[in-house]
Amino acid sequence: MIRKLPIIPTLVVLAAVAVMVRLGFWQLDRLAEKEALLAQYEAAAENPMILSTFPAEPLDNLYRRTPFTCSEVTSWRAVAGRSNSDASGFAHVAHCPEGNVVIGWSQTPQEPEWLGGEVTGTIGPSVESGWRIIADPPQAELEPNAAPDPRDIPNNHLAYAVQWFFFAFTALAIYVLALRRRQREQS
């Protein structure tokens, strides 16, 4: 004798599973988008330096070399950073009206003596403002900071997709086990 499935719990579980499966496919779509973005960034790093002036759209030019002018340093910030020889220490970020520039690296957070001026560097991503310049060569007798590298950007979307599909499978398996237990208890 076939027992009836409980309607509301079954609909809730199936809706949750559908959402989890959709999230898994969304992560697979994001995987393709992220791979294309990373390929674009790697290609940009190979492009020649922007020779004229700093680009009007820096986010469209991430990982390209460019000239940059800091008219004045309005404030400083020393953040955890790595040198180009992979030593840990401090990246010295100068806040300028035109944007932020990492002028170099040192082992101490002491504020460097630099008032601004012309630099050449690579446009790199920044949590703060979306972009920043990493000066190369460094300024104020600091050591070179690690150059921004698009390979440092995580691409975890495949793992997230697998995780969502696993959650959906687990929810279904638990629900089937619960139904079997309920059926045994009613027999």
N, C-alpha and C. Protein backbone atom coordinates (compact mmCIF):
# COMPACT_ATOMS: atom_id res chain seq x y z
N MET A 1 0.83 -1.18 0.00
CA MET A 1 0.00 0.00 0.00
C MET A 1 0.89 1.26 0.00
N ILE A 2 0.64 2.18 -0.93
CA ILE A 2 1.43 3.40 -1.06
C ILE A 2 0.83 4.47 -0.15
N ARG A 3 1.65 4.99 0.68
CA ARG A 3 1.22 6.04 1.61
C ARG A 3 1.31 7.39 0.90
N LYS A 4 0.45 8.28 1.29
CA LYS A 4 0.45 9.63 0.72
C LYS A 4 1.62 10.43 1.30
N LEU A 5 2.24 11.24 0.44
CA LEU A 5 3.29 12.15 0.89
C LEU A 5 2.65 13.35 1.58
N PRO A 6 3.25 13.84 2.64
CA PRO A 6 2.73 15.08 3.25
C PRO A 6 2.98 16.24 2.28
N ILE A 7 1.92 16.93 1.91
CA ILE A 7 1.98 17.93 0.85
C ILE A 7 2.88 19.12 1.23
N ILE A 8 2.60 19.78 2.33
CA ILE A 8 3.32 21.01 2.68
C ILE A 8 4.80 20.74 2.92
N PRO A 9 5.18 19.76 3.75
CA PRO A 9 6.62 19.51 3.93
C PRO A 9 7.32 19.13 2.61
N THR A 10 6.65 18.37 1.78
CA THR A 10 7.25 17.98 0.50
C THR A 10 7.47 19.20 -0.38
N LEU A 11 6.49 20.10 -0.45
CA LEU A 11 6.65 21.32 -1.25
C LEU A 11 7.77 22.20 -0.71
N VAL A 12 7.86 22.30 0.62
CA VAL A 12 8.92 23.12 1.23
C VAL A 12 10.29 22.54 0.88
N VAL A 13 10.45 21.23 1.01
CA VAL A 13 11.74 20.59 0.71
C VAL A 13 12.06 20.74 -0.77
N LEU A 14 11.09 20.50 -1.64
CA LEU A 14 11.35 20.62 -3.08
C LEU A 14 11.68 22.07 -3.47
N ALA A 15 11.02 23.04 -2.84
CA ALA A 15 11.34 24.44 -3.12
C ALA A 15 12.77 24.76 -2.66
N ALA A 16 13.15 24.28 -1.48
CA ALA A 16 14.51 24.53 -0.98
C ALA A 16 15.54 23.87 -1.89
N VAL A 17 15.27 22.65 -2.33
CA VAL A 17 16.19 21.95 -3.23
C VAL A 17 16.30 22.70 -4.56
N ALA A 18 15.17 23.19 -5.08
CA ALA A 18 15.20 23.95 -6.34
C ALA A 18 16.05 25.21 -6.20
N VAL A 19 15.92 25.89 -5.07
CA VAL A 19 16.72 27.10 -4.84
C VAL A 19 18.20 26.74 -4.77
N MET A 20 18.54 25.67 -4.07
CA MET A 20 19.94 25.27 -3.94
C MET A 20 20.52 24.86 -5.29
N VAL A 21 19.76 24.15 -6.09
CA VAL A 21 20.23 23.75 -7.43
C VAL A 21 20.43 25.00 -8.29
N ARG A 22 19.50 25.94 -8.21
CA ARG A 22 19.63 27.19 -8.97
C ARG A 22 20.89 27.95 -8.54
N LEU A 23 21.14 28.00 -7.23
CA LEU A 23 22.36 28.66 -6.75
C LEU A 23 23.62 27.96 -7.27
N GLY A 24 23.57 26.63 -7.37
CA GLY A 24 24.70 25.90 -7.94
C GLY A 24 24.96 26.28 -9.39
N PHE A 25 23.89 26.37 -10.19
CA PHE A 25 24.06 26.77 -11.59
C PHE A 25 24.48 28.23 -11.71
N TRP A 26 23.99 29.07 -10.79
CA TRP A 26 24.43 30.46 -10.79
C TRP A 26 25.93 30.55 -10.54
N GLN A 27 26.45 29.72 -9.62
CA GLN A 27 27.90 29.72 -9.36
C GLN A 27 28.67 29.24 -10.59
N LEU A 28 28.11 28.28 -11.33
CA LEU A 28 28.78 27.84 -12.57
C LEU A 28 28.81 28.97 -13.59
N ASP A 29 27.74 29.77 -13.67
CA ASP A 29 27.75 30.94 -14.55
C ASP A 29 28.80 31.94 -14.11
N ARG A 30 28.88 32.16 -12.79
CA ARG A 30 29.88 33.08 -12.25
C ARG A 30 31.30 32.59 -12.54
N LEU A 31 31.48 31.26 -12.53
CA LEU A 31 32.80 30.69 -12.84
C LEU A 31 33.25 31.13 -14.23
N ALA A 32 32.36 31.02 -15.20
CA ALA A 32 32.70 31.42 -16.58
C ALA A 32 32.99 32.92 -16.64
N GLU A 33 32.19 33.72 -15.95
CA GLU A 33 32.41 35.17 -15.94
C GLU A 33 33.76 35.51 -15.31
N LYS A 34 34.08 34.86 -14.18
CA LYS A 34 35.34 35.15 -13.48
C LYS A 34 36.53 34.72 -14.33
N GLU A 35 36.43 33.57 -15.01
CA GLU A 35 37.53 33.14 -15.87
C GLU A 35 37.77 34.14 -17.00
N ALA A 36 36.69 34.68 -17.57
CA ALA A 36 36.83 35.69 -18.63
C ALA A 36 37.47 36.96 -18.08
N LEU A 37 37.06 37.38 -16.89
CA LEU A 37 37.62 38.57 -16.27
C LEU A 37 39.11 38.38 -15.97
N LEU A 38 39.47 37.22 -15.44
CA LEU A 38 40.88 36.96 -15.14
C LEU A 38 41.71 36.93 -16.42
N ALA A 39 41.16 36.37 -17.49
CA ALA A 39 41.87 36.36 -18.78
C ALA A 39 42.06 37.79 -19.29
N GLN A 40 41.04 38.62 -19.10
CA GLN A 40 41.14 40.03 -19.50
C GLN A 40 42.24 40.73 -18.70
N TYR A 41 42.29 40.47 -17.39
CA TYR A 41 43.32 41.08 -16.56
C TYR A 41 44.71 40.62 -16.95
N GLU A 42 44.87 39.34 -17.23
CA GLU A 42 46.19 38.83 -17.62
C GLU A 42 46.63 39.43 -18.95
N ALA A 43 45.68 39.59 -19.87
CA ALA A 43 46.00 40.22 -21.15
C ALA A 43 46.38 41.69 -20.95
N ALA A 44 45.68 42.37 -20.04
CA ALA A 44 45.98 43.78 -19.78
C ALA A 44 47.39 43.96 -19.23
N ALA A 45 47.83 43.00 -18.41
CA ALA A 45 49.17 43.09 -17.84
C ALA A 45 50.24 43.01 -18.93
N GLU A 46 49.90 42.39 -20.05
CA GLU A 46 50.85 42.27 -21.16
C GLU A 46 50.78 43.46 -22.11
N ASN A 47 49.74 44.30 -21.98
CA ASN A 47 49.60 45.46 -22.85
C ASN A 47 50.69 46.47 -22.55
N PRO A 48 51.03 47.28 -23.55
CA PRO A 48 52.05 48.31 -23.30
C PRO A 48 51.54 49.36 -22.30
N MET A 49 52.49 50.08 -21.73
CA MET A 49 52.16 51.11 -20.76
C MET A 49 51.30 52.19 -21.41
N ILE A 50 50.37 52.74 -20.62
CA ILE A 50 49.57 53.87 -21.07
C ILE A 50 50.51 55.07 -21.04
N LEU A 51 50.77 55.66 -22.19
CA LEU A 51 51.82 56.67 -22.28
C LEU A 51 51.35 58.09 -22.02
N SER A 52 50.11 58.39 -22.31
CA SER A 52 49.69 59.79 -22.22
C SER A 52 49.45 60.19 -20.77
N THR A 53 48.22 60.19 -20.34
CA THR A 53 47.89 60.57 -18.98
C THR A 53 47.16 59.42 -18.32
N PHE A 54 46.99 59.55 -17.03
CA PHE A 54 46.28 58.53 -16.27
C PHE A 54 44.89 58.33 -16.88
N PRO A 55 44.44 57.08 -17.06
CA PRO A 55 43.15 56.85 -17.74
C PRO A 55 41.96 57.35 -16.93
N ALA A 56 40.94 57.83 -17.65
CA ALA A 56 39.73 58.33 -17.00
C ALA A 56 38.97 57.19 -16.31
N GLU A 57 39.08 55.99 -16.82
CA GLU A 57 38.40 54.82 -16.24
C GLU A 57 39.44 53.81 -15.75
N PRO A 58 40.01 54.02 -14.55
CA PRO A 58 41.07 53.11 -14.08
C PRO A 58 40.61 51.67 -13.93
N LEU A 59 39.34 51.43 -13.56
CA LEU A 59 38.89 50.05 -13.37
C LEU A 59 38.86 49.29 -14.68
N ASP A 60 38.75 50.00 -15.80
CA ASP A 60 38.80 49.34 -17.12
C ASP A 60 40.24 49.04 -17.53
N ASN A 61 41.20 49.54 -16.76
CA ASN A 61 42.61 49.39 -17.10
C ASN A 61 43.41 48.71 -15.99
N LEU A 62 42.74 47.93 -15.14
CA LEU A 62 43.46 47.24 -14.08
C LEU A 62 44.60 46.40 -14.66
N TYR A 63 45.73 46.41 -13.96
CA TYR A 63 46.94 45.64 -14.27
C TYR A 63 47.74 46.22 -15.45
N ARG A 64 47.41 47.43 -15.86
CA ARG A 64 48.22 48.10 -16.88
C ARG A 64 49.14 49.11 -16.19
N ARG A 65 50.29 49.31 -16.80
CA ARG A 65 51.22 50.33 -16.29
C ARG A 65 50.77 51.69 -16.80
N THR A 66 50.99 52.71 -15.96
CA THR A 66 50.53 54.06 -16.31
C THR A 66 51.33 55.10 -15.55
N PRO A 67 51.42 56.30 -16.10
CA PRO A 67 51.94 57.42 -15.30
C PRO A 67 50.84 57.91 -14.37
N PHE A 68 51.22 58.50 -13.26
CA PHE A 68 50.25 59.00 -12.29
C PHE A 68 50.85 60.20 -11.59
N THR A 69 50.04 61.22 -11.35
CA THR A 69 50.50 62.40 -10.64
C THR A 69 49.71 62.54 -9.35
N CYS A 70 50.44 62.60 -8.25
CA CYS A 70 49.86 62.88 -6.94
C CYS A 70 50.19 64.34 -6.63
N SER A 71 49.18 65.21 -6.70
CA SER A 71 49.44 66.65 -6.50
C SER A 71 49.88 66.96 -5.07
N GLU A 72 49.34 66.21 -4.09
CA GLU A 72 49.76 66.36 -2.70
C GLU A 72 49.29 65.13 -1.93
N VAL A 73 50.01 64.80 -0.89
CA VAL A 73 49.63 63.69 -0.02
C VAL A 73 48.74 64.26 1.08
N THR A 74 47.49 63.80 1.12
CA THR A 74 46.55 64.31 2.14
C THR A 74 46.60 63.47 3.41
N SER A 75 46.99 62.21 3.29
CA SER A 75 47.15 61.36 4.47
C SER A 75 47.93 60.11 4.07
N TRP A 76 48.36 59.38 5.10
CA TRP A 76 49.13 58.15 4.90
C TRP A 76 48.44 56.98 5.57
N ARG A 77 48.70 55.82 5.06
CA ARG A 77 48.26 54.60 5.72
C ARG A 77 49.29 53.51 5.43
N ALA A 78 49.72 52.82 6.47
CA ALA A 78 50.61 51.67 6.32
C ALA A 78 49.75 50.43 6.50
N VAL A 79 49.72 49.57 5.48
CA VAL A 79 48.92 48.35 5.53
C VAL A 79 49.84 47.15 5.37
N ALA A 80 49.38 46.01 5.86
CA ALA A 80 50.17 44.79 5.69
C ALA A 80 50.41 44.57 4.21
N GLY A 81 51.65 44.27 3.86
CA GLY A 81 51.98 44.08 2.45
C GLY A 81 53.20 43.20 2.30
N ARG A 82 53.50 42.90 1.04
CA ARG A 82 54.64 42.05 0.72
C ARG A 82 55.54 42.79 -0.26
N SER A 83 56.83 42.57 -0.07
CA SER A 83 57.80 43.17 -0.99
C SER A 83 57.86 42.32 -2.25
N ASN A 84 58.58 42.82 -3.25
CA ASN A 84 58.71 42.02 -4.47
C ASN A 84 59.59 40.78 -4.25
N SER A 85 60.27 40.70 -3.10
CA SER A 85 61.02 39.48 -2.76
C SER A 85 60.22 38.60 -1.79
N ASP A 86 58.94 38.90 -1.63
CA ASP A 86 57.97 38.13 -0.84
C ASP A 86 58.19 38.21 0.66
N ALA A 87 58.84 39.27 1.13
CA ALA A 87 58.98 39.48 2.57
C ALA A 87 57.74 40.21 3.08
N SER A 88 57.30 39.89 4.29
CA SER A 88 56.14 40.59 4.84
C SER A 88 56.59 41.86 5.55
N GLY A 89 55.72 42.84 5.52
CA GLY A 89 56.01 44.13 6.13
C GLY A 89 54.86 45.07 5.87
N PHE A 90 55.17 46.30 5.44
CA PHE A 90 54.15 47.33 5.28
C PHE A 90 54.22 47.97 3.90
N ALA A 91 53.06 48.06 3.26
CA ALA A 91 52.91 48.83 2.03
C ALA A 91 52.49 50.23 2.45
N HIS A 92 53.16 51.24 1.95
CA HIS A 92 52.89 52.62 2.34
C HIS A 92 51.99 53.27 1.29
N VAL A 93 50.77 53.56 1.69
CA VAL A 93 49.75 54.09 0.79
C VAL A 93 49.60 55.59 1.02
N ALA A 94 49.86 56.35 -0.03
CA ALA A 94 49.66 57.80 0.01
C ALA A 94 48.27 58.10 -0.54
N HIS A 95 47.47 58.82 0.24
CA HIS A 95 46.15 59.25 -0.21
C HIS A 95 46.32 60.62 -0.85
N CYS A 96 45.99 60.68 -2.13
CA CYS A 96 46.12 61.92 -2.90
C CYS A 96 44.73 62.31 -3.42
N PRO A 97 44.52 63.58 -3.76
CA PRO A 97 43.22 63.96 -4.32
C PRO A 97 42.87 63.18 -5.59
N GLU A 98 43.87 62.77 -6.33
CA GLU A 98 43.64 62.05 -7.60
C GLU A 98 43.41 60.56 -7.41
N GLY A 99 43.73 60.02 -6.24
CA GLY A 99 43.61 58.59 -5.97
C GLY A 99 44.71 58.14 -5.02
N ASN A 100 44.74 56.85 -4.75
CA ASN A 100 45.74 56.31 -3.82
C ASN A 100 46.90 55.70 -4.58
N VAL A 101 48.10 55.84 -4.00
CA VAL A 101 49.29 55.26 -4.61
C VAL A 101 50.12 54.58 -3.52
N VAL A 102 50.49 53.32 -3.79
CA VAL A 102 51.40 52.59 -2.91
C VAL A 102 52.79 52.96 -3.39
N ILE A 103 53.50 53.75 -2.57
CA ILE A 103 54.79 54.26 -3.05
C ILE A 103 55.95 53.30 -2.77
N GLY A 104 55.71 52.27 -1.95
CA GLY A 104 56.77 51.31 -1.69
C GLY A 104 56.49 50.48 -0.46
N TRP A 105 57.49 49.69 -0.08
CA TRP A 105 57.38 48.72 1.01
C TRP A 105 58.52 48.92 1.98
N SER A 106 58.24 48.67 3.26
CA SER A 106 59.31 48.64 4.26
C SER A 106 58.90 47.69 5.38
N GLN A 107 59.84 47.42 6.27
CA GLN A 107 59.55 46.53 7.39
C GLN A 107 58.94 47.27 8.57
N THR A 108 58.88 48.59 8.50
CA THR A 108 58.30 49.37 9.60
C THR A 108 57.13 50.20 9.07
N PRO A 109 56.17 50.52 9.96
CA PRO A 109 55.03 51.33 9.53
C PRO A 109 55.30 52.84 9.55
N GLN A 110 56.53 53.22 9.79
CA GLN A 110 56.87 54.64 9.89
C GLN A 110 56.52 55.38 8.60
N GLU A 111 55.87 56.52 8.75
CA GLU A 111 55.43 57.33 7.61
C GLU A 111 56.63 57.82 6.81
N PRO A 112 56.66 57.57 5.50
CA PRO A 112 57.80 58.01 4.68
C PRO A 112 57.74 59.52 4.40
N GLU A 113 58.86 60.05 3.99
CA GLU A 113 58.92 61.46 3.62
C GLU A 113 58.76 61.56 2.11
N TRP A 114 57.54 61.82 1.70
CA TRP A 114 57.22 62.00 0.28
C TRP A 114 56.04 62.94 0.20
N LEU A 115 56.16 63.99 -0.57
CA LEU A 115 55.12 65.02 -0.64
C LEU A 115 54.20 64.86 -1.84
N GLY A 116 54.48 63.89 -2.69
CA GLY A 116 53.70 63.72 -3.91
C GLY A 116 54.58 63.95 -5.12
N GLY A 117 53.97 63.84 -6.28
CA GLY A 117 54.71 64.05 -7.51
C GLY A 117 54.36 63.01 -8.55
N GLU A 118 55.22 62.93 -9.55
CA GLU A 118 55.01 62.00 -10.67
C GLU A 118 55.50 60.61 -10.29
N VAL A 119 54.69 59.60 -10.58
CA VAL A 119 55.12 58.21 -10.41
C VAL A 119 54.69 57.43 -11.64
N THR A 120 55.32 56.31 -11.81
CA THR A 120 54.89 55.34 -12.82
C THR A 120 54.61 54.06 -12.06
N GLY A 121 53.55 53.37 -12.43
CA GLY A 121 53.22 52.14 -11.72
C GLY A 121 52.13 51.36 -12.41
N THR A 122 51.64 50.37 -11.71
CA THR A 122 50.60 49.48 -12.23
C THR A 122 49.29 49.78 -11.50
N ILE A 123 48.21 49.82 -12.27
CA ILE A 123 46.89 50.02 -11.67
C ILE A 123 46.46 48.68 -11.09
N GLY A 124 46.28 48.64 -9.79
CA GLY A 124 45.89 47.41 -9.12
C GLY A 124 44.56 47.59 -8.39
N PRO A 125 43.92 46.48 -8.06
CA PRO A 125 42.64 46.57 -7.34
C PRO A 125 42.85 47.02 -5.90
N SER A 126 41.82 47.64 -5.34
CA SER A 126 41.85 48.10 -3.95
C SER A 126 40.47 47.95 -3.35
N VAL A 127 40.42 47.43 -2.14
CA VAL A 127 39.14 47.30 -1.44
C VAL A 127 38.57 48.67 -1.14
N GLU A 128 39.46 49.60 -0.81
CA GLU A 128 39.06 50.94 -0.41
C GLU A 128 38.33 51.71 -1.50
N SER A 129 38.97 51.83 -2.65
CA SER A 129 38.44 52.72 -3.69
C SER A 129 38.24 52.02 -5.03
N GLY A 130 38.46 50.73 -5.09
CA GLY A 130 38.32 50.02 -6.36
C GLY A 130 39.64 49.87 -7.09
N TRP A 131 40.52 50.87 -6.99
CA TRP A 131 41.81 50.82 -7.67
C TRP A 131 42.84 51.62 -6.88
N ARG A 132 44.09 51.37 -7.16
CA ARG A 132 45.21 52.14 -6.62
C ARG A 132 46.40 51.91 -7.53
N ILE A 133 47.37 52.78 -7.45
CA ILE A 133 48.60 52.65 -8.23
C ILE A 133 49.66 52.03 -7.33
N ILE A 134 50.38 51.05 -7.86
CA ILE A 134 51.51 50.47 -7.15
C ILE A 134 52.76 50.99 -7.88
N ALA A 135 53.46 51.92 -7.23
CA ALA A 135 54.59 52.60 -7.87
C ALA A 135 55.73 51.63 -8.18
N ASP A 136 56.26 51.77 -9.39
CA ASP A 136 57.42 50.99 -9.81
C ASP A 136 58.19 51.85 -10.81
N PRO A 137 59.26 52.47 -10.40
CA PRO A 137 60.04 52.22 -9.20
C PRO A 137 59.40 52.87 -7.97
N PRO A 138 59.78 52.33 -6.77
CA PRO A 138 59.23 52.89 -5.54
C PRO A 138 59.78 54.30 -5.28
N GLN A 139 59.13 55.00 -4.38
CA GLN A 139 59.51 56.37 -4.04
C GLN A 139 60.04 56.41 -2.61
N ALA A 140 60.59 57.56 -2.24
CA ALA A 140 61.03 57.86 -0.87
C ALA A 140 61.98 56.81 -0.30
N GLU A 141 62.86 56.28 -1.15
CA GLU A 141 63.88 55.30 -0.74
C GLU A 141 63.29 54.04 -0.12
N LEU A 142 62.06 53.72 -0.48
CA LEU A 142 61.44 52.48 -0.02
C LEU A 142 61.80 51.35 -0.98
N GLU A 143 61.56 50.14 -0.55
CA GLU A 143 61.79 48.98 -1.41
C GLU A 143 60.57 48.75 -2.28
N PRO A 144 60.73 48.02 -3.37
CA PRO A 144 59.58 47.75 -4.25
C PRO A 144 58.53 46.89 -3.56
N ASN A 145 57.29 47.28 -3.74
CA ASN A 145 56.15 46.51 -3.26
C ASN A 145 55.89 45.38 -4.26
N ALA A 146 55.27 44.29 -3.80
CA ALA A 146 54.90 43.22 -4.72
C ALA A 146 53.96 43.79 -5.78
N ALA A 147 54.20 43.45 -7.02
CA ALA A 147 53.35 43.92 -8.11
C ALA A 147 52.00 43.21 -8.05
N PRO A 148 50.93 43.92 -8.40
CA PRO A 148 49.63 43.25 -8.41
C PRO A 148 49.61 42.16 -9.48
N ASP A 149 49.01 41.04 -9.14
CA ASP A 149 48.98 39.89 -10.05
C ASP A 149 47.56 39.35 -10.12
N PRO A 150 46.96 39.29 -11.31
CA PRO A 150 45.59 38.78 -11.42
C PRO A 150 45.45 37.34 -10.95
N ARG A 151 46.56 36.60 -10.90
CA ARG A 151 46.49 35.21 -10.41
C ARG A 151 46.24 35.14 -8.91
N ASP A 152 46.35 36.28 -8.20
CA ASP A 152 46.07 36.32 -6.77
C ASP A 152 44.58 36.44 -6.47
N ILE A 153 43.77 36.70 -7.50
CA ILE A 153 42.33 36.83 -7.30
C ILE A 153 41.73 35.44 -7.21
N PRO A 154 41.03 35.14 -6.12
CA PRO A 154 40.47 33.79 -5.98
C PRO A 154 39.33 33.55 -6.97
N ASN A 155 39.22 32.30 -7.40
CA ASN A 155 38.14 31.89 -8.29
C ASN A 155 37.55 30.61 -7.69
N ASN A 156 36.70 30.75 -6.69
CA ASN A 156 36.15 29.62 -5.93
C ASN A 156 34.78 29.17 -6.41
N HIS A 157 34.34 29.65 -7.54
CA HIS A 157 32.96 29.42 -7.95
C HIS A 157 32.63 27.95 -8.21
N LEU A 158 33.58 27.18 -8.70
CA LEU A 158 33.32 25.75 -8.90
C LEU A 158 33.09 25.06 -7.56
N ALA A 159 33.90 25.39 -6.58
CA ALA A 159 33.73 24.81 -5.24
C ALA A 159 32.38 25.21 -4.65
N TYR A 160 31.99 26.46 -4.86
CA TYR A 160 30.68 26.90 -4.35
C TYR A 160 29.54 26.16 -5.04
N ALA A 161 29.67 25.94 -6.36
CA ALA A 161 28.63 25.21 -7.09
C ALA A 161 28.50 23.79 -6.55
N VAL A 162 29.63 23.12 -6.39
CA VAL A 162 29.60 21.75 -5.84
C VAL A 162 28.96 21.76 -4.46
N GLN A 163 29.28 22.76 -3.67
CA GLN A 163 28.71 22.88 -2.32
C GLN A 163 27.19 23.00 -2.38
N TRP A 164 26.66 23.84 -3.26
CA TRP A 164 25.20 23.99 -3.36
C TRP A 164 24.54 22.70 -3.84
N PHE A 165 25.15 22.02 -4.82
CA PHE A 165 24.58 20.76 -5.30
C PHE A 165 24.60 19.71 -4.18
N PHE A 166 25.67 19.70 -3.39
CA PHE A 166 25.76 18.77 -2.27
C PHE A 166 24.67 19.07 -1.24
N PHE A 167 24.44 20.35 -0.95
CA PHE A 167 23.38 20.72 -0.01
C PHE A 167 22.02 20.23 -0.51
N ALA A 168 21.77 20.39 -1.81
CA ALA A 168 20.49 19.95 -2.38
C ALA A 168 20.34 18.44 -2.24
N PHE A 169 21.39 17.71 -2.58
CA PHE A 169 21.36 16.24 -2.47
C PHE A 169 21.14 15.83 -1.00
N THR A 170 21.84 16.48 -0.09
CA THR A 170 21.71 16.16 1.33
C THR A 170 20.30 16.43 1.83
N ALA A 171 19.72 17.55 1.42
CA ALA A 171 18.35 17.86 1.85
C ALA A 171 17.37 16.79 1.35
N LEU A 172 17.53 16.37 0.10
CA LEU A 172 16.66 15.32 -0.43
C LEU A 172 16.87 14.00 0.32
N ALA A 173 18.12 13.64 0.55
CA ALA A 173 18.41 12.38 1.24
C ALA A 173 17.83 12.38 2.65
N ILE A 174 17.98 13.47 3.37
CA ILE A 174 17.44 13.55 4.72
C ILE A 174 15.91 13.47 4.69
N TYR A 175 15.30 14.12 3.71
CA TYR A 175 13.84 14.08 3.62
C TYR A 175 13.35 12.66 3.31
N VAL A 176 14.02 11.97 2.40
CA VAL A 176 13.64 10.58 2.08
C VAL A 176 13.79 9.71 3.33
N LEU A 177 14.88 9.86 4.05
CA LEU A 177 15.07 9.08 5.28
C LEU A 177 13.98 9.39 6.31
N ALA A 178 13.62 10.65 6.43
CA ALA A 178 12.57 11.03 7.37
C ALA A 178 11.23 10.43 6.96
N LEU A 179 10.95 10.41 5.66
CA LEU A 179 9.69 9.80 5.18
C LEU A 179 9.68 8.29 5.45
N ARG A 180 10.79 7.63 5.24
CA ARG A 180 10.86 6.18 5.50
C ARG A 180 10.65 5.90 6.99
N ARG A 181 11.26 6.71 7.82
CA ARG A 181 11.10 6.51 9.26
C ARG A 181 9.63 6.73 9.66
N ARG A 182 9.05 7.76 9.11
CA ARG A 182 7.62 8.04 9.40
C ARG A 182 6.74 6.88 8.95
N GLN A 183 7.07 6.33 7.78
CA GLN A 183 6.28 5.21 7.24
C GLN A 183 6.41 3.98 8.16
N ARG A 184 7.65 3.71 8.63
CA ARG A 184 7.84 2.57 9.54
C ARG A 184 7.08 2.77 10.84
N GLU A 185 7.10 4.00 11.36
CA GLU A 185 6.41 4.26 12.63
C GLU A 185 4.90 4.13 12.48
N GLN A 186 4.37 4.42 11.30
CA GLN A 186 2.93 4.33 11.09
C GLN A 186 2.49 2.90 10.79
N SER A 187 3.43 2.03 10.44
CA SER A 187 3.08 0.63 10.11
C SER A 187 2.87 -0.20 11.34
